[in-house]
Amino acid sequence: MPDIPWSTPTQAPTGAEVYVMASRFETATLLGAFRFFLKSPGIILQVRKAPGAHGVALRARVFSRTFLTVSAWEDREALYRFARSEPHRSSSRAASASMKESTFTFWSVPASELPITWAEAQRRLDEQQAGAGR
C-alpha cells in the first residue's frame, strides 16, 4: 500500500522548536488493518486542518498489519487538542480494540529539521520500544 507523504499544513516559523510525535501501530488481524487503513485518510485530512499542525505523514503496511505515523506540532498542547477532537478521538478508541501493539515517542526539533524522515522516526520508535522492554 502506498504511503501518504509528508505534507505541511502550516509552515513553522523560522527558528521555532516543534514538537514531534511518531507512532507505530500493529493490528491483531488483517481485517483490523484494513479498517485502520480506511480511516487513515480522514485522520490525515483532520491533521492538515488542525491548528498548530506543521507536518504529517503515514506509512501503511496493511498486509503486515503495521502503520507508522509522524507529525510535527507547534507544541504539545496543539497535539493534545488534536488527539481529543473528532473524528480522531472516536477513531482511536474504536481502533484500540483491534490493536496488538502500539508505540509512541515524542521529541522536539528545530523547525529547520522538518520534514522528519522515516529513518529518524523508526530509530526513535525502536529506542522507545527497547526502553519499554526493560
C-alpha atoms as a PDB file:
ATOM      1  CA  MET A   1       0.000   0.000   0.000  1.00  0.00           C
ATOM      2  CA  PRO A   2       1.274   3.491  -0.762  1.00  0.00           C
ATOM      3  CA  ASP A   3       2.463   5.898   1.866  1.00  0.00           C
ATOM      4  CA  ILE A   4       0.809   9.231   2.459  1.00  0.00           C
ATOM      5  CA  PRO A   5       3.847  11.506   2.083  1.00  0.00           C
ATOM      6  CA  TRP A   6       4.782  14.376   4.353  1.00  0.00           C
ATOM      7  CA  SER A   7       2.607  17.417   3.968  1.00  0.00           C
ATOM      8  CA  THR A   8       2.992  20.772   5.670  1.00  0.00           C
ATOM      9  CA  PRO A   9      -0.354  22.305   6.669  1.00  0.00           C
ATOM     10  CA  THR A  10       1.223  25.388   8.278  1.00  0.00           C
ATOM     11  CA  GLN A  11       4.871  26.350   7.917  1.00  0.00           C
ATOM     12  CA  ALA A  12       6.580  26.614  11.308  1.00  0.00           C
ATOM     13  CA  PRO A  13       8.193  29.988  11.991  1.00  0.00           C
ATOM     14  CA  THR A  14      11.901  30.187  11.205  1.00  0.00           C
ATOM     15  CA  GLY A  15      13.912  29.362  14.300  1.00  0.00           C
ATOM     16  CA  ALA A  16      10.970  27.763  16.137  1.00  0.00           C
ATOM     17  CA  GLU A  17      11.125  24.478  18.003  1.00  0.00           C
ATOM     18  CA  VAL A  18       8.434  21.984  17.012  1.00  0.00           C
ATOM     19  CA  TYR A  19       7.002  19.070  18.973  1.00  0.00           C
ATOM     20  CA  VAL A  20       7.162  15.781  17.085  1.00  0.00           C
ATOM     21  CA  MET A  21       5.268  12.552  17.616  1.00  0.00           C
ATOM     22  CA  ALA A  22       5.950   9.233  15.909  1.00  0.00           C
ATOM     23  CA  SER A  23       3.757   6.188  16.369  1.00  0.00           C
ATOM     24  CA  ARG A  24       3.733   2.559  15.331  1.00  0.00           C
ATOM     25  CA  PHE A  25       0.528   0.531  15.340  1.00  0.00           C
ATOM     26  CA  GLU A  26       0.257  -3.191  14.751  1.00  0.00           C
ATOM     27  CA  THR A  27      -3.219  -4.597  14.402  1.00  0.00           C
ATOM     28  CA  ALA A  28      -4.075  -8.075  15.638  1.00  0.00           C
ATOM     29  CA  THR A  29      -5.857  -9.037  12.423  1.00  0.00           C
ATOM     30  CA  LEU A  30      -5.789  -8.199   8.740  1.00  0.00           C
ATOM     31  CA  LEU A  31      -9.399  -7.027   8.989  1.00  0.00           C
ATOM     32  CA  GLY A  32      -8.328  -4.601  11.715  1.00  0.00           C
ATOM     33  CA  ALA A  33      -5.529  -3.365   9.438  1.00  0.00           C
ATOM     34  CA  PHE A  34      -7.963  -2.685   6.600  1.00  0.00           C
ATOM     35  CA  ARG A  35     -10.280  -0.816   8.957  1.00  0.00           C
ATOM     36  CA  PHE A  36      -7.371   1.246  10.262  1.00  0.00           C
ATOM     37  CA  PHE A  37      -6.224   1.996   6.722  1.00  0.00           C
ATOM     38  CA  LEU A  38      -9.685   3.063   5.585  1.00  0.00           C
ATOM     39  CA  LYS A  39      -9.923   5.576   8.454  1.00  0.00           C
ATOM     40  CA  SER A  40      -6.419   6.967   7.851  1.00  0.00           C
ATOM     41  CA  PRO A  41      -7.145   9.478   5.049  1.00  0.00           C
ATOM     42  CA  GLY A  42      -9.822  11.169   7.155  1.00  0.00           C
ATOM     43  CA  ILE A  43      -7.466  11.496  10.111  1.00  0.00           C
ATOM     44  CA  ILE A  44      -4.654  12.825   7.892  1.00  0.00           C
ATOM     45  CA  LEU A  45      -7.100  15.399   6.499  1.00  0.00           C
ATOM     46  CA  GLN A  46      -8.042  16.326  10.065  1.00  0.00           C
ATOM     47  CA  VAL A  47      -4.354  16.876  10.941  1.00  0.00           C
ATOM     48  CA  ARG A  48      -3.916  19.054   7.856  1.00  0.00           C
ATOM     49  CA  LYS A  49      -6.711  21.319   9.148  1.00  0.00           C
ATOM     50  CA  ALA A  50      -5.698  21.247  12.833  1.00  0.00           C
ATOM     51  CA  PRO A  51      -4.459  24.454  14.435  1.00  0.00           C
ATOM     52  CA  GLY A  52      -0.745  24.168  15.221  1.00  0.00           C
ATOM     53  CA  ALA A  53      -0.016  21.273  12.822  1.00  0.00           C
ATOM     54  CA  HIS A  54       3.292  21.679  10.972  1.00  0.00           C
ATOM     55  CA  GLY A  55       3.517  18.303   9.235  1.00  0.00           C
ATOM     56  CA  VAL A  56       2.152  14.781   8.944  1.00  0.00           C
ATOM     57  CA  ALA A  57       2.898  11.533   7.105  1.00  0.00           C
ATOM     58  CA  LEU A  58       1.695   7.921   7.196  1.00  0.00           C
ATOM     59  CA  ARG A  59       3.469   4.705   6.234  1.00  0.00           C
ATOM     60  CA  ALA A  60       0.901   1.939   5.755  1.00  0.00           C
ATOM     61  CA  ARG A  61       1.922  -1.705   5.505  1.00  0.00           C
ATOM     62  CA  VAL A  62      -1.573  -3.166   5.531  1.00  0.00           C
ATOM     63  CA  PHE A  63      -0.628  -6.773   4.737  1.00  0.00           C
ATOM     64  CA  SER A  64       1.978  -6.661   7.512  1.00  0.00           C
ATOM     65  CA  ARG A  65      -0.704  -5.072   9.743  1.00  0.00           C
ATOM     66  CA  THR A  66       1.720  -2.255  10.626  1.00  0.00           C
ATOM     67  CA  PHE A  67       1.335   1.515  10.369  1.00  0.00           C
ATOM     68  CA  LEU A  68       3.764   4.316  11.187  1.00  0.00           C
ATOM     69  CA  THR A  69       2.821   7.945  11.623  1.00  0.00           C
ATOM     70  CA  VAL A  70       4.909  11.024  12.172  1.00  0.00           C
ATOM     71  CA  SER A  71       3.617  14.508  12.827  1.00  0.00           C
ATOM     72  CA  ALA A  72       5.020  17.876  13.891  1.00  0.00           C
ATOM     73  CA  TRP A  73       3.198  20.402  16.026  1.00  0.00           C
ATOM     74  CA  GLU A  74       3.529  23.936  17.328  1.00  0.00           C
ATOM     75  CA  ASP A  75       3.671  22.487  20.862  1.00  0.00           C
ATOM     76  CA  ARG A  76       2.446  19.577  22.957  1.00  0.00           C
ATOM     77  CA  GLU A  77      -0.901  21.240  23.653  1.00  0.00           C
ATOM     78  CA  ALA A  78      -1.637  21.548  19.902  1.00  0.00           C
ATOM     79  CA  LEU A  79      -1.073  17.787  19.546  1.00  0.00           C
ATOM     80  CA  TYR A  80      -3.273  17.026  22.551  1.00  0.00           C
ATOM     81  CA  ARG A  81      -6.071  19.295  21.288  1.00  0.00           C
ATOM     82  CA  PHE A  82      -5.996  17.396  18.008  1.00  0.00           C
ATOM     83  CA  ALA A  83      -5.992  13.990  19.751  1.00  0.00           C
ATOM     84  CA  ARG A  84      -9.060  14.958  21.807  1.00  0.00           C
ATOM     85  CA  SER A  85     -11.005  16.258  18.797  1.00  0.00           C
ATOM     86  CA  GLU A  86     -13.312  14.364  16.459  1.00  0.00           C
ATOM     87  CA  PRO A  87     -13.017  12.223  14.407  1.00  0.00           C
ATOM     88  CA  HIS A  88      -9.588  11.289  15.842  1.00  0.00           C
ATOM     89  CA  ARG A  89     -10.904  10.706  19.356  1.00  0.00           C
ATOM     90  CA  SER A  90     -13.633   8.233  18.329  1.00  0.00           C
ATOM     91  CA  SER A  91     -11.477   6.563  15.676  1.00  0.00           C
ATOM     92  CA  SER A  92      -8.608   5.930  18.083  1.00  0.00           C
ATOM     93  CA  ARG A  93     -10.940   4.470  20.691  1.00  0.00           C
ATOM     94  CA  ALA A  94     -12.527   2.166  18.102  1.00  0.00           C
ATOM     95  CA  ALA A  95      -9.123   1.134  16.709  1.00  0.00           C
ATOM     96  CA  SER A  96      -7.752   0.249  20.147  1.00  0.00           C
ATOM     97  CA  ALA A  97      -9.962  -2.848  20.212  1.00  0.00           C
ATOM     98  CA  SER A  98      -8.108  -4.305  17.220  1.00  0.00           C
ATOM     99  CA  MET A  99      -4.558  -3.301  18.216  1.00  0.00           C
ATOM    100  CA  LYS A 100      -1.944  -5.887  19.019  1.00  0.00           C
ATOM    101  CA  GLU A 101       0.680  -3.288  19.901  1.00  0.00           C
ATOM    102  CA  SER A 102       1.131   0.491  19.878  1.00  0.00           C
ATOM    103  CA  THR A 103       4.277   2.532  20.448  1.00  0.00           C
ATOM    104  CA  PHE A 104       4.544   6.316  20.723  1.00  0.00           C
ATOM    105  CA  THR A 105       7.542   8.587  21.055  1.00  0.00           C
ATOM    106  CA  PHE A 106       7.863  12.367  21.353  1.00  0.00           C
ATOM    107  CA  TRP A 107      10.713  14.836  20.913  1.00  0.00           C
ATOM    108  CA  SER A 108      11.427  18.415  19.905  1.00  0.00           C
ATOM    109  CA  VAL A 109      13.469  19.636  16.939  1.00  0.00           C
ATOM    110  CA  PRO A 110      14.212  22.949  15.274  1.00  0.00           C
ATOM    111  CA  ALA A 111      11.693  23.667  12.514  1.00  0.00           C
ATOM    112  CA  SER A 112      14.599  23.628  10.056  1.00  0.00           C
ATOM    113  CA  GLU A 113      14.815  19.819  10.549  1.00  0.00           C
ATOM    114  CA  LEU A 114      11.358  19.255   9.045  1.00  0.00           C
ATOM    115  CA  PRO A 115      10.262  17.079   7.409  1.00  0.00           C
ATOM    116  CA  ILE A 116      11.129  14.215   9.736  1.00  0.00           C
ATOM    117  CA  THR A 117      12.486  11.228   7.811  1.00  0.00           C
ATOM    118  CA  TRP A 118      11.112   7.727   8.185  1.00  0.00           C
ATOM    119  CA  ALA A 119      14.588   6.585   9.246  1.00  0.00           C
ATOM    120  CA  GLU A 120      14.569   9.071  12.144  1.00  0.00           C
ATOM    121  CA  ALA A 121      11.020   8.190  13.184  1.00  0.00           C
ATOM    122  CA  GLN A 122      11.830   4.459  13.039  1.00  0.00           C
ATOM    123  CA  ARG A 123      15.045   4.918  15.060  1.00  0.00           C
ATOM    124  CA  ARG A 124      13.207   6.780  17.807  1.00  0.00           C
ATOM    125  CA  LEU A 125      10.350   4.264  17.868  1.00  0.00           C
ATOM    126  CA  ASP A 126      12.863   1.401  18.125  1.00  0.00           C
ATOM    127  CA  GLU A 127      14.582   3.176  21.040  1.00  0.00           C
ATOM    128  CA  GLN A 128      11.237   3.743  22.757  1.00  0.00           C
ATOM    129  CA  GLN A 129      10.234   0.119  22.315  1.00  0.00           C
ATOM    130  CA  ALA A 130      13.600  -1.146  23.565  1.00  0.00           C
ATOM    131  CA  GLY A 131      13.327   1.110  26.625  1.00  0.00           C
ATOM    132  CA  ALA A 132       9.803  -0.141  27.344  1.00  0.00           C
ATOM    133  CA  GLY A 133      11.008  -3.742  27.266  1.00  0.00           C
ATOM    134  CA  ARG A 134      13.468  -3.218  30.123  1.00  0.00           C
END
